[in-house]
Amino acid sequence: MKRTNIALTAAMACLALAPMQASALIINGQINNYSSPSDSYFQDVDFYSFSSTGGTITFDVLEWGFGGNYMDSMVWLLSDDGALDIGDLVAQNDDSSSTYGDGSTTSLDSWLSTSITAGNYLLAVGECCNFGASDILDGVQDGVSSDYVGATIQNTYDYQLTVAGVFSNFHLQGTNVPEPGSLVLLGLGLAGVAYSQRRKKA
């Protein structure tokens, strides 16, 4: 019994240490473009939540040509203080850097690398070129939430988002994306529990 408790304690300790490690994460996402009786052109915006202990963090969006799509993507980084407004904008970027780390061959993909302090953040992924954050805060770009009434999807834009830096619990709002490091440590912890159980039976 003690061995099992020790293994469980070790597994929990590993998981507690895992979240704030330097890591890279690749996520596939999708932006939908709509038309409706009230608005002939609008699209949704993906918001990703995460926490960080600070340092440099990089976001690399591959969209132009990804999955056959051709949308000029843009990203906005906002601090998450629980009351989202335009004052929360930390940084934004429309065009990729000249050095493509995500397989891009065009500057029409987005890339943002910036230094942040410890805290909670939101990354918004949408379409160029609304500079500032005023139009994306409600999750609808070039429209308002009521435009979804009677709306039909006109185009679907797939994208690949690569995140590098020190962060934890990076996930699309409403979902949970486990980080690779956490999965490995969880597996090691479970293996330790299984090993202890086998030794106990023996």
Protein backbone atom coordinates (compact mmCIF):
# COMPACT_ATOMS: atom_id res chain seq x y z
CA MET A 1 0.00 0.00 0.00
CA LYS A 2 2.80 2.42 0.85
CA ARG A 3 4.51 1.77 -2.47
CA THR A 4 1.32 2.63 -4.34
CA ASN A 5 0.95 5.86 -2.38
CA ILE A 6 4.58 6.80 -3.08
CA ALA A 7 4.10 6.17 -6.80
CA LEU A 8 0.91 8.23 -6.88
CA THR A 9 2.62 11.05 -4.99
CA ALA A 10 5.54 10.98 -7.45
CA ALA A 11 3.15 11.07 -10.41
CA MET A 12 1.27 14.05 -8.96
CA ALA A 13 4.55 15.86 -8.28
CA CYS A 14 5.66 15.33 -11.87
CA LEU A 15 2.39 16.72 -13.20
CA ALA A 16 2.64 19.73 -10.90
CA LEU A 17 6.11 20.54 -12.26
CA ALA A 18 5.28 19.86 -15.92
CA PRO A 19 3.09 22.82 -16.93
CA MET A 20 5.64 25.64 -16.82
CA GLN A 21 8.37 24.07 -18.91
CA ALA A 22 9.81 25.37 -22.14
CA SER A 23 8.01 23.49 -24.85
CA ALA A 24 6.58 23.63 -28.36
CA LEU A 25 3.03 22.85 -29.32
CA ILE A 26 1.45 22.41 -32.75
CA ILE A 27 -2.31 22.85 -33.13
CA ASN A 28 -4.51 22.61 -36.20
CA GLY A 29 -7.37 25.11 -36.24
CA GLN A 30 -10.07 26.43 -38.51
CA ILE A 31 -11.63 29.82 -39.26
CA ASN A 32 -15.06 29.93 -40.89
CA ASN A 33 -16.21 32.69 -43.20
CA TYR A 34 -19.98 33.34 -43.21
CA SER A 35 -22.70 35.24 -44.94
CA SER A 36 -26.11 36.00 -43.44
CA PRO A 37 -29.16 38.15 -44.13
CA SER A 38 -27.69 40.85 -41.88
CA ASP A 39 -24.06 40.70 -43.01
CA SER A 40 -22.62 39.47 -46.29
CA TYR A 41 -19.09 38.98 -44.97
CA PHE A 42 -17.87 38.05 -41.49
CA GLN A 43 -15.80 35.34 -39.85
CA ASP A 44 -15.14 33.86 -36.47
CA VAL A 45 -11.98 34.35 -34.41
CA ASP A 46 -10.24 31.59 -32.45
CA PHE A 47 -9.18 32.47 -28.91
CA TYR A 48 -6.55 30.39 -27.13
CA SER A 49 -6.02 30.71 -23.37
CA PHE A 50 -2.71 30.06 -21.64
CA SER A 51 -0.57 31.00 -18.66
CA SER A 52 3.14 31.79 -18.55
CA THR A 53 5.84 32.49 -15.99
CA GLY A 54 7.30 34.99 -18.45
CA GLY A 55 9.98 35.08 -21.12
CA THR A 56 9.93 35.02 -24.88
CA ILE A 57 7.00 33.32 -26.57
CA THR A 58 6.56 32.76 -30.31
CA PHE A 59 3.43 32.12 -32.36
CA ASP A 60 3.80 30.84 -35.93
CA VAL A 61 0.67 30.57 -38.11
CA LEU A 62 0.80 28.65 -41.38
CA GLU A 63 -2.39 29.32 -43.32
CA TRP A 64 -1.60 30.57 -46.82
CA GLY A 65 -1.78 27.40 -48.90
CA PHE A 66 -2.26 25.14 -45.84
CA GLY A 67 -4.92 22.58 -46.77
CA GLY A 68 -5.47 24.43 -50.03
CA ASN A 69 -6.60 27.60 -48.24
CA TYR A 70 -5.67 31.18 -49.02
CA MET A 71 -6.52 33.50 -46.14
CA ASP A 72 -4.17 36.25 -44.99
CA SER A 73 -4.00 35.41 -41.28
CA MET A 74 -3.33 37.70 -38.33
CA VAL A 75 -2.68 37.19 -34.61
CA TRP A 76 -3.38 39.31 -31.54
CA LEU A 77 -1.86 38.66 -28.10
CA LEU A 78 -3.89 39.97 -25.17
CA SER A 79 -3.49 39.89 -21.41
CA ASP A 80 -6.33 38.01 -19.72
CA ASP A 81 -7.43 39.98 -16.67
CA GLY A 82 -10.98 38.65 -16.74
CA ALA A 83 -12.46 41.74 -18.41
CA LEU A 84 -11.40 41.74 -22.06
CA ASP A 85 -11.07 45.15 -23.71
CA ILE A 86 -8.79 46.95 -26.18
CA GLY A 87 -6.45 47.93 -23.35
CA ASP A 88 -5.48 44.26 -22.99
CA LEU A 89 -3.67 44.21 -26.34
CA VAL A 90 -0.01 43.26 -25.80
CA ALA A 91 1.18 42.72 -29.38
CA GLN A 92 -0.13 41.85 -32.83
CA ASN A 93 1.23 40.81 -36.20
CA ASP A 94 -0.12 40.47 -39.70
CA ASP A 95 2.87 39.20 -41.66
CA SER A 96 5.32 36.36 -41.10
CA SER A 97 8.99 36.98 -40.49
CA SER A 98 11.49 36.53 -43.30
CA THR A 99 12.61 33.29 -41.65
CA TYR A 100 9.79 30.78 -41.79
CA GLY A 101 9.81 28.24 -38.98
CA ASP A 102 6.47 26.67 -39.84
CA GLY A 103 6.97 25.74 -43.49
CA SER A 104 5.62 29.04 -44.83
CA THR A 105 6.87 30.38 -48.12
CA THR A 106 5.03 33.71 -47.96
CA SER A 107 4.84 36.68 -45.62
CA LEU A 108 1.03 36.44 -45.70
CA ASP A 109 1.22 33.95 -42.85
CA SER A 110 1.45 35.38 -39.34
CA TRP A 111 4.40 35.23 -36.95
CA LEU A 112 4.78 36.94 -33.60
CA SER A 113 7.62 36.68 -31.11
CA THR A 114 7.55 38.84 -28.00
CA SER A 115 8.68 38.97 -24.39
CA ILE A 116 5.91 38.68 -21.79
CA THR A 117 5.70 38.88 -18.01
CA ALA A 118 4.14 36.22 -15.79
CA GLY A 119 0.38 36.04 -16.11
CA ASN A 120 -2.62 34.80 -18.06
CA TYR A 121 -3.01 35.51 -21.76
CA LEU A 122 -5.21 35.08 -24.80
CA LEU A 123 -4.02 34.55 -28.36
CA ALA A 124 -6.55 35.46 -31.05
CA VAL A 125 -6.19 34.03 -34.56
CA GLY A 126 -8.18 35.67 -37.33
CA GLU A 127 -7.92 37.34 -40.70
CA CYS A 128 -5.89 40.38 -41.70
CA CYS A 129 -6.02 43.37 -41.52
CA ASN A 130 -7.95 44.88 -38.64
CA PHE A 131 -5.12 46.41 -36.68
CA GLY A 132 -5.95 46.91 -33.04
CA ALA A 133 -8.27 44.63 -31.12
CA SER A 134 -11.61 46.44 -31.20
CA ASP A 135 -13.30 44.23 -33.80
CA ILE A 136 -12.20 40.81 -32.55
CA LEU A 137 -13.06 41.00 -28.85
CA ASP A 138 -16.52 39.45 -29.30
CA GLY A 139 -15.10 36.57 -31.36
CA VAL A 140 -16.70 37.85 -34.57
CA GLN A 141 -14.57 39.71 -37.10
CA ASP A 142 -16.23 42.21 -39.47
CA GLY A 143 -19.55 41.59 -37.73
CA VAL A 144 -21.40 40.97 -34.47
CA SER A 145 -22.67 37.83 -32.77
CA SER A 146 -26.24 38.39 -33.97
CA ASP A 147 -25.01 37.96 -37.56
CA TYR A 148 -24.87 34.20 -36.96
CA VAL A 149 -28.68 34.06 -37.14
CA GLY A 150 -29.51 32.51 -40.49
CA ALA A 151 -25.83 32.46 -41.48
CA THR A 152 -24.26 29.93 -43.83
CA ILE A 153 -20.57 29.03 -44.13
CA GLN A 154 -19.08 30.29 -47.38
CA ASN A 155 -15.44 29.29 -46.86
CA THR A 156 -13.45 27.27 -44.34
CA TYR A 157 -9.83 28.18 -43.68
CA ASP A 158 -7.58 25.61 -41.99
CA TYR A 159 -4.40 26.73 -40.29
CA GLN A 160 -1.51 25.32 -38.29
CA LEU A 161 -0.42 27.16 -35.15
CA THR A 162 3.00 26.48 -33.63
CA VAL A 163 3.65 27.88 -30.15
CA ALA A 164 7.12 27.92 -28.57
CA GLY A 165 8.15 29.24 -25.17
CA VAL A 166 7.29 28.78 -21.51
CA PHE A 167 3.56 28.28 -21.09
CA SER A 168 0.95 26.03 -19.53
CA ASN A 169 -2.60 24.94 -20.30
CA PHE A 170 -2.56 26.33 -23.83
CA HIS A 171 -6.00 25.52 -25.24
CA LEU A 172 -8.71 26.74 -27.55
CA GLN A 173 -11.38 28.26 -25.35
CA GLY A 174 -13.93 25.56 -24.59
CA THR A 175 -11.43 22.73 -25.18
CA ASN A 176 -8.35 21.32 -23.50
CA VAL A 177 -5.13 20.67 -25.39
CA PRO A 178 -2.61 18.71 -23.25
CA GLU A 179 1.02 19.68 -23.66
CA PRO A 180 3.45 16.96 -24.83
CA GLY A 181 5.58 17.21 -21.68
CA SER A 182 2.56 16.70 -19.44
CA LEU A 183 1.50 13.64 -21.38
CA VAL A 184 4.93 12.06 -21.03
CA LEU A 185 5.06 12.69 -17.29
CA LEU A 186 1.52 11.41 -16.84
CA GLY A 187 2.51 8.22 -18.67
CA LEU A 188 5.57 7.76 -16.46
CA GLY A 189 3.49 8.29 -13.34
CA LEU A 190 0.87 5.75 -14.43
CA ALA A 191 3.60 3.26 -15.32
CA GLY A 192 5.01 3.67 -11.80
CA VAL A 193 1.60 2.96 -10.27
CA ALA A 194 1.16 -0.14 -12.44
CA TYR A 195 4.64 -1.39 -11.51
CA SER A 196 3.93 -0.91 -7.80
CA GLN A 197 0.65 -2.80 -8.09
CA ARG A 198 2.40 -5.72 -9.79
CA ARG A 199 5.10 -5.88 -7.13
CA LYS A 200 2.48 -5.82 -4.41
CA LYS A 201 0.64 -8.79 -5.96
CA ALA A 202 3.92 -10.71 -6.34
